[in-house]
Amino acid sequence: MQEAAGGAELRWLAVGDGAVRFREELEAGAIRTAADSSPLHLVSAGAICELGIGAMAVAVQEILPDYRRRPDAELALEVAGTVRTLSR
């Protein structure tokens, strides 16, 4: 992580369900993790609005989904033995 920051001495704070789940691994890499009960692990409307403020405005027709993984429906069909692909 320090390399990603250009060698700067930054203190990273991991939040979210992944941070809670992988606390040991993160902390072994010198990354702090918020306490399990911390509200920092929750998605907040304010944080989403801050992201939106910094985004470039585009026409509604240009907004496309950005899938990070295969859809659950496609995975379920694969498990059921159906060989259809739902994603593009």
C-alpha atoms as a PDB file:
ATOM      1  CA  MET A   1       0.000   0.000   0.000  1.00  0.00           C
ATOM      2  CA  GLN A   2       2.841   2.375   0.772  1.00  0.00           C
ATOM      3  CA  GLU A   3       4.184   1.804  -2.749  1.00  0.00           C
ATOM      4  CA  ALA A   4       0.785   2.692  -4.194  1.00  0.00           C
ATOM      5  CA  ALA A   5       1.012   6.002  -2.328  1.00  0.00           C
ATOM      6  CA  GLY A   6       4.317   6.797  -4.000  1.00  0.00           C
ATOM      7  CA  GLY A   7       6.296   5.907  -0.895  1.00  0.00           C
ATOM      8  CA  ALA A   8       4.515   8.527   1.216  1.00  0.00           C
ATOM      9  CA  GLU A   9       4.112   7.701   4.884  1.00  0.00           C
ATOM     10  CA  LEU A  10       0.343   7.300   5.007  1.00  0.00           C
ATOM     11  CA  ARG A  11      -1.726   5.527   7.626  1.00  0.00           C
ATOM     12  CA  TRP A  12      -4.366   3.433   5.947  1.00  0.00           C
ATOM     13  CA  LEU A  13      -7.727   2.702   7.574  1.00  0.00           C
ATOM     14  CA  ALA A  14      -9.741  -0.208   6.191  1.00  0.00           C
ATOM     15  CA  VAL A  15     -13.525  -0.101   6.536  1.00  0.00           C
ATOM     16  CA  GLY A  16     -16.463  -2.167   5.330  1.00  0.00           C
ATOM     17  CA  ASP A  17     -17.484  -5.783   5.634  1.00  0.00           C
ATOM     18  CA  GLY A  18     -14.306  -6.933   3.869  1.00  0.00           C
ATOM     19  CA  ALA A  19     -12.181  -5.076   6.407  1.00  0.00           C
ATOM     20  CA  VAL A  20     -13.984  -6.812   9.261  1.00  0.00           C
ATOM     21  CA  ARG A  21     -13.710 -10.192   7.552  1.00  0.00           C
ATOM     22  CA  PHE A  22     -10.019  -9.858   6.674  1.00  0.00           C
ATOM     23  CA  ARG A  23      -8.923  -7.871   9.738  1.00  0.00           C
ATOM     24  CA  GLU A  24      -6.000 -10.205  10.563  1.00  0.00           C
ATOM     25  CA  GLU A  25      -4.564 -10.054   7.058  1.00  0.00           C
ATOM     26  CA  LEU A  26      -4.930  -6.278   6.823  1.00  0.00           C
ATOM     27  CA  GLU A  27      -3.421  -5.627  10.215  1.00  0.00           C
ATOM     28  CA  ALA A  28      -0.537  -7.978   9.381  1.00  0.00           C
ATOM     29  CA  GLY A  29       0.150  -5.577   6.508  1.00  0.00           C
ATOM     30  CA  ALA A  30       0.198  -2.567   8.880  1.00  0.00           C
ATOM     31  CA  ILE A  31      -3.277  -1.420   7.835  1.00  0.00           C
ATOM     32  CA  ARG A  32      -5.531  -0.314  10.673  1.00  0.00           C
ATOM     33  CA  THR A  33      -9.125  -1.578  10.743  1.00  0.00           C
ATOM     34  CA  ALA A  34     -12.031   0.227  12.371  1.00  0.00           C
ATOM     35  CA  ALA A  35     -13.644  -1.562  15.326  1.00  0.00           C
ATOM     36  CA  ASP A  36     -16.385  -4.019  14.348  1.00  0.00           C
ATOM     37  CA  SER A  37     -19.056  -1.753  15.869  1.00  0.00           C
ATOM     38  CA  SER A  38     -17.809   1.388  14.073  1.00  0.00           C
ATOM     39  CA  PRO A  39     -20.297   3.270  11.889  1.00  0.00           C
ATOM     40  CA  LEU A  40     -17.433   3.676   9.406  1.00  0.00           C
ATOM     41  CA  HIS A  41     -18.282   0.194   8.121  1.00  0.00           C
ATOM     42  CA  LEU A  42     -21.729   1.376   6.957  1.00  0.00           C
ATOM     43  CA  VAL A  43     -22.489   2.913   3.582  1.00  0.00           C
ATOM     44  CA  SER A  44     -23.777   6.438   4.076  1.00  0.00           C
ATOM     45  CA  ALA A  45     -25.752   8.692   1.774  1.00  0.00           C
ATOM     46  CA  GLY A  46     -23.300  11.499   2.541  1.00  0.00           C
ATOM     47  CA  ALA A  47     -20.332   9.482   1.298  1.00  0.00           C
ATOM     48  CA  ILE A  48     -22.173   8.562  -1.895  1.00  0.00           C
ATOM     49  CA  CYS A  49     -23.076  12.215  -2.483  1.00  0.00           C
ATOM     50  CA  GLU A  50     -19.431  13.234  -1.994  1.00  0.00           C
ATOM     51  CA  LEU A  51     -18.421  10.720  -4.668  1.00  0.00           C
ATOM     52  CA  GLY A  52     -21.094  12.107  -6.975  1.00  0.00           C
ATOM     53  CA  ILE A  53     -19.925  15.689  -6.502  1.00  0.00           C
ATOM     54  CA  GLY A  54     -16.491  14.730  -7.763  1.00  0.00           C
ATOM     55  CA  ALA A  55     -17.769  12.791 -10.790  1.00  0.00           C
ATOM     56  CA  MET A  56     -17.913  14.177 -14.307  1.00  0.00           C
ATOM     57  CA  ALA A  57     -21.459  14.946 -15.460  1.00  0.00           C
ATOM     58  CA  VAL A  58     -22.677  12.884 -18.433  1.00  0.00           C
ATOM     59  CA  ALA A  59     -25.969  12.411 -20.264  1.00  0.00           C
ATOM     60  CA  VAL A  60     -28.268   9.809 -18.743  1.00  0.00           C
ATOM     61  CA  GLN A  61     -27.903   7.643 -21.877  1.00  0.00           C
ATOM     62  CA  GLU A  62     -24.165   7.369 -21.211  1.00  0.00           C
ATOM     63  CA  ILE A  63     -24.574   5.829 -17.759  1.00  0.00           C
ATOM     64  CA  LEU A  64     -23.815   2.116 -17.934  1.00  0.00           C
ATOM     65  CA  PRO A  65     -23.545  -0.542 -15.235  1.00  0.00           C
ATOM     66  CA  ASP A  66     -20.025  -1.520 -14.223  1.00  0.00           C
ATOM     67  CA  TYR A  67     -20.262  -5.169 -13.235  1.00  0.00           C
ATOM     68  CA  ARG A  68     -17.422  -6.337 -11.003  1.00  0.00           C
ATOM     69  CA  ARG A  69     -18.469  -9.979 -11.008  1.00  0.00           C
ATOM     70  CA  ARG A  70     -20.764 -12.324 -12.867  1.00  0.00           C
ATOM     71  CA  PRO A  71     -24.462 -11.912 -11.993  1.00  0.00           C
ATOM     72  CA  ASP A  72     -25.887 -14.309  -9.398  1.00  0.00           C
ATOM     73  CA  ALA A  73     -28.532 -15.430 -11.919  1.00  0.00           C
ATOM     74  CA  GLU A  74     -25.828 -16.494 -14.369  1.00  0.00           C
ATOM     75  CA  LEU A  75     -23.972 -18.410 -11.663  1.00  0.00           C
ATOM     76  CA  ALA A  76     -27.190 -20.147 -10.571  1.00  0.00           C
ATOM     77  CA  LEU A  77     -27.923 -21.213 -14.152  1.00  0.00           C
ATOM     78  CA  GLU A  78     -24.410 -22.587 -14.472  1.00  0.00           C
ATOM     79  CA  VAL A  79     -24.827 -24.624 -11.288  1.00  0.00           C
ATOM     80  CA  ALA A  80     -28.187 -25.881 -12.559  1.00  0.00           C
ATOM     81  CA  GLY A  81     -26.495 -27.102 -15.737  1.00  0.00           C
ATOM     82  CA  THR A  82     -27.878 -24.434 -18.078  1.00  0.00           C
ATOM     83  CA  VAL A  83     -25.158 -23.074 -20.305  1.00  0.00           C
ATOM     84  CA  ARG A  84     -26.665 -19.696 -21.181  1.00  0.00           C
ATOM     85  CA  THR A  85     -24.673 -16.511 -20.697  1.00  0.00           C
ATOM     86  CA  LEU A  86     -26.716 -13.582 -19.431  1.00  0.00           C
ATOM     87  CA  SER A  87     -23.950 -11.007 -19.252  1.00  0.00           C
ATOM     88  CA  ARG A  88     -22.556  -9.259 -22.275  1.00  0.00           C
END
